Amino acid sequence: MSFIRSFSNPENLYVVALEDGINLMHRVKPPLASAWPKDGNNALMIVPHLPFWAVCQLWEAGGMDPPPGKDGQWATHQGFTAEEIHVYTDTGKPVTGRMPFTALFTSRPHEWLVRLSYRRQFVFLWRVTWEYVVRDATDRKWVMGRPPERRKKAAAAR
């Protein structure tokens, strides 16, 4: 079951739920993503079902209290993290401190993006793309009732 198709967003993000987990395939290039595979195919991040569902639900509910020094919305569960960060788009590094108003128009390119990370992989997405995935995932989870792991366990217990 796919949550977003690659033609509908600038990151060419394709999110699909498979047996091994939630597969997030994208075409975001470093430094706004982890290094790509050597074969040049889409970058792939596989996140287990439960952390993905939990982070989507937390994000939909308004996120968690951000850690000290962070300003944006933030949610994490079992190693999968979604956090809104103000970053320089040329380096992927966070903007530190507060920028003066005039620097907004004269400094390096910067944006508020959502950073998804799991283990040592990460990708920055536009917030609207992540919100779409979250909305679709939480709507489907509501219809499905529970994450795939719990459905399998419930079916095996019968």
Foldseek 3Di string as FASTA:
>chain_A
DWLDALVPFPFSWTWDQDPQAIKTWTDDDPPQWPHADPVPGTRIDGDHFPFVLQQLVCVVVQADPDDPQADFHWHGDPQWIKTWFKAQPVHRDGDHDDDPPVCVPVPGHIDTWIWIDHDHIIHTHHVVVVNSSSVSSNVVCVVVVHTPVVVVVVVVVD
